C-alpha cells in the first residue's frame, strides 16, 4: 500500500535527534505521498527514538495552514484531520529555522527540500571548525584556551557524524533495507548492521504496513 518509499535523515538538535523525510528518494510528490511519509515517519520515529507517540510536523514556509504550495496545503488538511482523530500527533507546519530547534520529532517534506536541508546541516560540521579556528587566530588565544575551545567544538559536532548511525532505512519496502554512505568506514558499516538488526527485531516493516492499512493510523 505504499505509494512511494521514503528516505529519512537524522538531524541533531538540543533536544535529541530529529527525523527528516524524505531526504532524496522523491523530489516531486503529491499530497498523499507526504501524508504517507508522515505516517511511516511516525512509526519509524517510535522505533528509532523510543517514543510511543512522536510529534510530526510539515516543513513549510510559514506556520499558518494557508501558507505554501497547493500540495503542502492539501497535505496539511489531511494531516490535521488525522491529528484530530488521534491517529497522528500532528503539530502543524514547521519552518526551516525551527527544524534544528526540534519543533517536531519527525519533519515531513519532499525529497528536494529534504536533501537541501540535510546537506546544509551536514556542512555545519565542516564549516564551523573553520570559522572557530579563524576566530581563535583573530583573538590570538593562548594555546590552552584554544585547546579548550577545540574540545568543546569537537563534542558539539559529534552528533553530526554519520558514522554514529551508519545508514538509513528506505521506508515503505516489503523488507528492511538500510542504505549506507558510499565511503562508509568499518565503524559505519558495523553500526549499520546493528541498526538493521534493531529494526528487524522491532518488526518495523509490519508495523508500517499495519499503520497504513488502519484508517486511524495505529501500528499496535
Protein backbone atom coordinates (compact mmCIF):
# COMPACT_ATOMS: atom_id res chain seq x y z
CA UNK A 1 0.00 0.00 0.00
CA UNK A 2 2.97 2.36 -0.02
CA UNK A 3 2.84 4.78 -2.94
CA UNK A 4 6.45 5.96 -2.66
CA UNK A 5 9.24 4.73 -0.36
CA UNK A 6 11.00 7.47 1.60
CA UNK A 7 14.48 8.04 2.99
CA UNK A 8 14.73 9.53 6.48
CA UNK A 9 17.65 11.64 7.60
CA UNK A 10 18.88 12.35 11.11
CA UNK A 11 19.39 15.90 12.40
CA UNK A 12 20.90 16.60 15.84
CA UNK A 13 19.12 19.17 17.98
CA UNK A 14 19.48 20.40 21.58
CA UNK A 15 16.56 18.09 22.46
CA UNK A 16 17.81 14.96 20.71
CA UNK A 17 17.60 13.61 17.17
CA UNK A 18 15.01 14.93 14.72
CA UNK A 19 13.98 12.71 11.80
CA UNK A 20 13.56 14.42 8.43
CA UNK A 21 11.91 12.66 5.49
CA UNK A 22 12.05 12.41 2.58
CA UNK A 23 15.70 13.39 2.04
CA UNK A 24 16.13 12.43 -1.59
CA UNK A 25 14.12 9.46 -2.81
CA UNK A 26 11.28 11.60 -4.25
CA UNK A 27 11.99 15.11 -5.50
CA UNK A 28 8.41 15.63 -6.73
CA UNK A 29 5.46 14.47 -4.63
CA UNK A 30 1.69 14.64 -4.33
CA UNK A 31 -0.19 15.41 -1.09
CA UNK A 32 -0.94 11.74 -0.46
CA UNK A 33 2.78 10.96 -0.62
CA UNK A 34 3.53 13.48 2.11
CA UNK A 35 0.76 12.02 4.24
CA UNK A 36 2.23 8.54 3.90
CA UNK A 37 5.70 9.90 4.69
CA UNK A 38 4.25 11.33 7.90
CA UNK A 39 2.62 8.06 8.89
CA UNK A 40 5.69 5.97 8.07
CA UNK A 41 7.90 8.53 9.79
CA UNK A 42 5.78 8.36 12.95
CA UNK A 43 6.16 4.57 13.12
CA UNK A 44 9.88 4.78 12.42
CA UNK A 45 10.24 7.60 14.94
CA UNK A 46 8.61 5.44 17.57
CA UNK A 47 11.09 2.62 16.87
CA UNK A 48 14.21 4.73 16.42
CA UNK A 49 13.62 7.43 19.03
CA UNK A 50 11.94 5.16 21.54
CA UNK A 51 8.90 7.45 21.80
CA UNK A 52 5.43 5.96 21.87
CA UNK A 53 3.80 8.96 20.20
CA UNK A 54 6.37 11.10 18.34
CA UNK A 55 5.30 14.53 17.14
CA UNK A 56 5.05 15.13 13.40
CA UNK A 57 5.41 18.46 11.59
CA UNK A 58 5.11 19.52 7.95
CA UNK A 59 8.01 21.61 6.61
CA UNK A 60 6.65 24.82 5.16
CA UNK A 61 7.46 28.49 4.54
CA UNK A 62 5.16 29.62 7.35
CA UNK A 63 3.30 28.30 10.38
CA UNK A 64 -0.18 29.21 9.11
CA UNK A 65 -2.23 26.40 7.49
CA UNK A 66 -2.87 28.59 4.43
CA UNK A 67 0.82 29.02 3.59
CA UNK A 68 2.75 27.06 0.98
CA UNK A 69 2.00 25.36 -2.30
CA UNK A 70 -1.30 23.65 -3.11
CA UNK A 71 0.40 20.32 -2.45
CA UNK A 72 1.53 21.39 1.01
CA UNK A 73 -1.83 22.92 1.90
CA UNK A 74 -3.74 19.79 0.88
CA UNK A 75 -1.35 17.57 2.80
CA UNK A 76 -1.72 19.82 5.83
CA UNK A 77 -5.50 19.43 5.74
CA UNK A 78 -5.28 15.63 5.69
CA UNK A 79 -2.63 15.51 8.43
CA UNK A 80 -4.65 17.89 10.59
CA UNK A 81 -7.68 15.60 10.20
CA UNK A 82 -5.57 12.60 11.24
CA UNK A 83 -4.39 14.60 14.21
CA UNK A 84 -7.94 15.44 15.26
CA UNK A 85 -8.83 11.73 15.16
CA UNK A 86 -5.82 10.90 17.33
CA UNK A 87 -4.20 8.88 14.53
CA UNK A 88 -1.14 11.12 14.42
CA UNK A 89 0.39 13.65 16.79
CA UNK A 90 0.47 16.40 14.19
CA UNK A 91 1.84 19.75 15.38
CA UNK A 92 1.26 21.68 12.15
CA UNK A 93 3.70 23.49 9.91
CA UNK A 94 7.38 23.76 10.80
CA UNK A 95 9.58 26.47 9.34
CA UNK A 96 13.19 25.84 8.36
CA UNK A 97 14.52 27.86 11.30
CA UNK A 98 12.62 25.61 13.71
CA UNK A 99 13.79 22.21 12.48
CA UNK A 100 17.06 22.24 14.44
CA UNK A 101 15.14 23.63 17.41
CA UNK A 102 13.27 20.31 17.45
CA UNK A 103 9.85 21.75 16.67
CA UNK A 104 8.81 18.14 15.92
CA UNK A 105 10.31 14.68 16.35
CA UNK A 106 9.54 13.94 12.68
CA UNK A 107 9.61 16.65 9.99
CA UNK A 108 7.99 15.82 6.64
CA UNK A 109 8.88 17.28 3.24
CA UNK A 110 9.56 16.27 -0.36
CA UNK A 111 12.95 14.85 -1.28
CA UNK A 112 14.14 18.05 -2.94
CA UNK A 113 13.67 20.18 0.16
CA UNK A 114 14.82 17.38 2.45
CA UNK A 115 18.05 16.82 0.57
CA UNK A 116 18.90 20.54 0.63
CA UNK A 117 18.18 20.78 4.37
CA UNK A 118 20.17 17.63 5.16
CA UNK A 119 23.24 18.68 3.18
CA UNK A 120 23.12 22.17 4.66
CA UNK A 121 23.08 20.60 8.12
CA UNK A 122 25.96 18.28 7.19
CA UNK A 123 28.03 21.28 6.11
CA UNK A 124 27.90 22.66 9.66
CA UNK A 125 30.40 20.02 10.77
CA UNK A 126 32.83 21.23 8.09
CA UNK A 127 32.29 24.99 8.15
CA UNK A 128 32.02 25.62 11.89
CA UNK A 129 35.56 24.35 12.75
CA UNK A 130 36.97 26.59 10.01
CA UNK A 131 35.16 29.61 11.44
CA UNK A 132 36.22 28.77 15.00
CA UNK A 133 39.87 28.35 14.01
CA UNK A 134 39.79 31.70 12.23
CA UNK A 135 38.27 33.38 15.29
CA UNK A 136 40.83 31.75 17.60
CA UNK A 137 43.56 33.23 15.42
CA UNK A 138 41.88 36.63 15.30
CA UNK A 139 41.61 36.77 19.08
CA UNK A 140 45.12 35.34 19.47
CA UNK A 141 44.01 32.90 22.15
CA UNK A 142 46.62 31.17 24.27
CA UNK A 143 47.26 27.51 23.34
CA UNK A 144 45.50 26.29 26.49
CA UNK A 145 42.39 28.34 25.73
CA UNK A 146 42.40 27.27 22.09
CA UNK A 147 42.61 23.62 23.18
CA UNK A 148 39.62 24.07 25.49
CA UNK A 149 37.58 25.67 22.72
CA UNK A 150 38.59 22.86 20.36
CA UNK A 151 37.44 20.23 22.85
CA UNK A 152 34.05 21.90 23.25
CA UNK A 153 33.67 22.16 19.48
CA UNK A 154 34.58 18.51 18.96
CA UNK A 155 31.96 17.39 21.45
CA UNK A 156 29.34 19.68 19.98
CA UNK A 157 29.89 18.37 16.45
CA UNK A 158 29.98 14.68 17.39
CA UNK A 159 26.21 14.19 16.77
CA UNK A 160 26.71 15.33 13.16
CA UNK A 161 28.96 12.31 12.45
CA UNK A 162 27.01 9.99 10.13
CA UNK A 163 29.14 7.05 11.28
CA UNK A 164 27.30 7.08 14.60
CA UNK A 165 24.15 5.97 12.73
CA UNK A 166 25.77 4.00 9.91
CA UNK A 167 22.89 4.24 7.47
CA UNK A 168 19.20 4.99 6.99
CA UNK A 169 16.32 2.64 6.15
CA UNK A 170 14.35 3.02 2.95
CA UNK A 171 10.89 3.10 4.47
CA UNK A 172 7.94 1.55 2.66
CA UNK A 173 9.50 -1.55 1.11
CA UNK A 174 8.45 -5.11 1.90
CA UNK A 175 11.54 -5.77 3.95
CA UNK A 176 14.19 -3.97 5.99
CA UNK A 177 16.61 -2.19 3.67
CA UNK A 178 19.26 0.12 5.15
CA UNK A 179 21.33 2.32 2.87
CA UNK A 180 24.85 3.38 3.79
CA UNK A 181 27.20 6.08 2.54
CA UNK A 182 29.39 5.11 -0.40
CA UNK A 183 32.51 5.97 1.60
CA UNK A 184 31.41 4.18 4.78
CA UNK A 185 34.16 3.19 7.19
CA UNK A 186 34.28 -0.11 9.07
CA UNK A 187 32.76 1.67 12.06
CA UNK A 188 29.86 2.96 9.97
CA UNK A 189 29.18 -0.46 8.43
CA UNK A 190 29.23 -2.08 11.87
CA UNK A 191 26.70 0.45 13.12
CA UNK A 192 24.59 -0.07 10.01
CA UNK A 193 24.40 -3.82 10.69
CA UNK A 194 23.42 -3.18 14.32
CA UNK A 195 20.78 -0.63 13.27
CA UNK A 196 19.32 -3.06 10.73
CA UNK A 197 19.12 -5.82 13.31
CA UNK A 198 17.35 -3.49 15.73
CA UNK A 199 14.73 -2.51 13.12
CA UNK A 200 14.13 -6.17 12.27
CA UNK A 201 13.73 -7.03 15.95
CA UNK A 202 11.20 -4.20 16.32
CA UNK A 203 9.24 -5.54 13.31
CA UNK A 204 9.30 -2.12 11.65
CA UNK A 205 8.08 -3.27 8.22
CA UNK A 206 4.96 -4.97 9.59
CA UNK A 207 4.24 -2.02 11.89
CA UNK A 208 4.34 0.40 8.95
CA UNK A 209 2.06 -1.89 6.93
CA UNK A 210 -0.46 -2.04 9.78
CA UNK A 211 -0.38 1.72 10.26
CA UNK A 212 -1.13 2.37 6.60
CA UNK A 213 -3.96 -0.19 6.49
CA UNK A 214 -5.58 1.22 9.61
CA UNK A 215 -7.64 4.36 8.87
CA UNK A 216 -6.82 5.60 12.36
CA UNK A 217 -3.10 5.14 11.73
CA UNK A 218 -2.37 2.85 14.67
CA UNK A 219 0.57 0.42 14.43
CA UNK A 220 -0.47 -1.53 17.52
